[in-house]
Amino acid sequence: MLFNGWYTDKVTVYRTTMAKVGNITKPTREKVGEYPCRVYSSQKGGPVTSERQANAKSAEKLAVDVSCDIVSGDELMVTRGFYVGGSSSIRYLAGDIVDYFEPVGGMFNGLKHKEVGLLSDEVI
């Protein structure tokens, strides 16, 4: 795959599922998997204040292989630069997901990838 050298980050995917414990059904957080990825198209907004709080929002995009098990609403812990010595992790929620099976009309094999919208809303 041509994107293998391009994936310098790592994403750990967590999903909330419902588990029955005795007679009670409650949400549980389960680790789905870890995948190589790359964060790109960074759009970070500045702080916005309101009467009660200040927050900062960002909308970025993540590229992963099409075989990765990520659905909208998953919690994503992205470690920036993991495969090149980085160690800082950022928490996101998975937004819209678009599969690109052959982005250049089938001219190049190995360019298949999945684009995941990353949503972040931080209260300051």
Protein backbone atom coordinates (compact mmCIF):
# COMPACT_ATOMS: atom_id res chain seq x y z
CA MET A 1 0.00 0.00 0.00
CA LEU A 2 1.39 3.41 -0.95
CA PHE A 3 0.11 5.10 2.21
CA ASN A 4 2.07 2.86 4.65
CA GLY A 5 5.03 5.26 4.92
CA TRP A 6 2.65 8.21 5.21
CA TYR A 7 0.94 6.91 8.36
CA THR A 8 3.09 8.39 11.14
CA ASP A 9 0.40 8.57 13.86
CA LYS A 10 -1.44 5.85 15.79
CA VAL A 11 -5.14 5.81 16.68
CA THR A 12 -6.63 3.73 19.50
CA VAL A 13 -10.38 3.21 19.03
CA TYR A 14 -12.82 2.87 21.94
CA ARG A 15 -16.53 2.12 21.53
CA THR A 16 -19.38 2.32 24.02
CA THR A 17 -21.49 -0.84 24.10
CA MET A 18 -24.31 -1.95 26.35
CA ALA A 19 -23.49 -4.82 28.73
CA LYS A 20 -25.87 -6.66 31.02
CA VAL A 21 -24.59 -7.11 34.57
CA GLY A 22 -27.12 -9.11 36.57
CA ASN A 23 -30.46 -7.38 35.94
CA ILE A 24 -28.90 -4.04 34.97
CA THR A 25 -27.87 -3.00 31.48
CA LYS A 26 -25.20 -0.31 31.54
CA PRO A 27 -22.84 1.25 29.03
CA THR A 28 -19.27 -0.02 28.97
CA ARG A 29 -16.23 1.35 27.14
CA GLU A 30 -14.39 -1.28 25.08
CA LYS A 31 -11.12 -1.03 23.17
CA VAL A 32 -11.77 -1.92 19.52
CA GLY A 33 -8.20 -1.76 18.18
CA GLU A 34 -5.11 0.25 17.32
CA TYR A 35 -4.31 1.34 13.76
CA PRO A 36 -1.66 3.40 11.95
CA CYS A 37 -3.10 6.69 10.72
CA ARG A 38 -2.34 10.30 9.85
CA VAL A 39 -4.04 13.49 11.02
CA TYR A 40 -4.26 16.17 8.35
CA SER A 41 -6.38 19.18 7.38
CA SER A 42 -6.12 20.75 10.81
CA GLN A 43 -8.71 23.47 11.49
CA LYS A 44 -8.36 24.70 15.03
CA GLY A 45 -10.52 27.57 16.15
CA GLY A 46 -9.57 30.09 18.79
CA PRO A 47 -11.26 30.32 22.17
CA VAL A 48 -14.86 31.50 22.22
CA THR A 49 -16.33 32.88 25.42
CA SER A 50 -19.90 32.88 26.64
CA GLU A 51 -21.54 33.89 29.91
CA ARG A 52 -20.76 30.58 31.59
CA GLN A 53 -17.60 29.21 29.96
CA ALA A 54 -14.96 29.49 27.30
CA ASN A 55 -14.30 26.71 24.84
CA ALA A 56 -12.17 25.91 21.82
CA LYS A 57 -13.40 23.75 18.96
CA SER A 58 -11.45 22.00 16.22
CA ALA A 59 -12.35 19.96 13.17
CA GLU A 60 -9.60 17.84 11.66
CA LYS A 61 -9.40 14.80 9.40
CA LEU A 62 -7.80 11.41 9.89
CA ALA A 63 -6.70 8.99 7.16
CA VAL A 64 -6.66 5.24 7.92
CA ASP A 65 -6.81 2.01 5.93
CA VAL A 66 -10.29 1.01 4.71
CA SER A 67 -10.13 -2.19 6.78
CA CYS A 68 -10.06 -0.25 10.09
CA ASP A 69 -13.10 -0.70 12.36
CA ILE A 70 -14.12 2.90 13.08
CA VAL A 71 -17.72 4.16 13.18
CA SER A 72 -19.18 7.60 13.89
CA GLY A 73 -19.30 8.34 17.60
CA ASP A 74 -16.25 6.25 18.55
CA GLU A 75 -13.76 7.76 20.98
CA LEU A 76 -10.36 8.08 19.32
CA MET A 77 -7.07 8.55 21.16
CA VAL A 78 -4.57 9.76 18.56
CA THR A 79 -0.86 9.63 19.35
CA ARG A 80 0.77 12.18 17.04
CA GLY A 81 4.05 11.02 15.48
CA PHE A 82 3.95 7.62 17.20
CA TYR A 83 5.92 5.84 14.47
CA VAL A 84 8.58 8.59 14.34
CA GLY A 85 9.15 9.03 18.08
CA GLY A 86 6.19 11.19 19.14
CA SER A 87 4.22 10.56 22.31
CA SER A 88 1.54 13.24 22.76
CA SER A 89 -2.04 11.91 22.72
CA ILE A 90 -5.17 13.86 21.81
CA ARG A 91 -8.76 12.72 22.41
CA TYR A 92 -11.29 13.08 19.59
CA LEU A 93 -14.72 11.78 18.62
CA ALA A 94 -15.20 10.21 15.20
CA GLY A 95 -17.46 12.26 12.95
CA ASP A 96 -18.43 11.62 9.34
CA ILE A 97 -16.58 8.77 7.63
CA VAL A 98 -15.92 8.57 3.88
CA ASP A 99 -14.36 5.57 2.13
CA TYR A 100 -12.11 6.31 -0.85
CA PHE A 101 -11.58 3.00 -2.63
CA GLU A 102 -9.72 4.37 -5.68
CA PRO A 103 -9.32 8.15 -5.35
CA VAL A 104 -7.55 8.59 -8.70
CA GLY A 105 -9.95 6.64 -10.90
CA GLY A 106 -8.11 3.33 -10.58
CA MET A 107 -4.85 4.69 -12.01
CA PHE A 108 -2.84 3.91 -8.89
CA ASN A 109 -3.35 0.82 -6.76
CA GLY A 110 -2.80 1.17 -3.03
CA LEU A 111 -4.34 4.60 -2.52
CA LYS A 112 -7.47 3.23 -0.86
CA HIS A 113 -8.16 4.88 2.49
CA LYS A 114 -10.88 5.96 4.88
CA GLU A 115 -11.28 9.62 5.83
CA VAL A 116 -12.60 10.18 9.37
CA GLY A 117 -13.76 13.59 10.57
CA LEU A 118 -12.31 14.33 14.01
CA LEU A 119 -14.37 16.42 16.40
CA SER A 120 -12.98 18.09 19.50
CA ASP A 121 -14.67 20.49 21.88
CA GLU A 122 -12.50 21.62 24.78
CA VAL A 123 -13.84 23.60 27.73
CA ILE A 124 -11.28 26.12 28.93
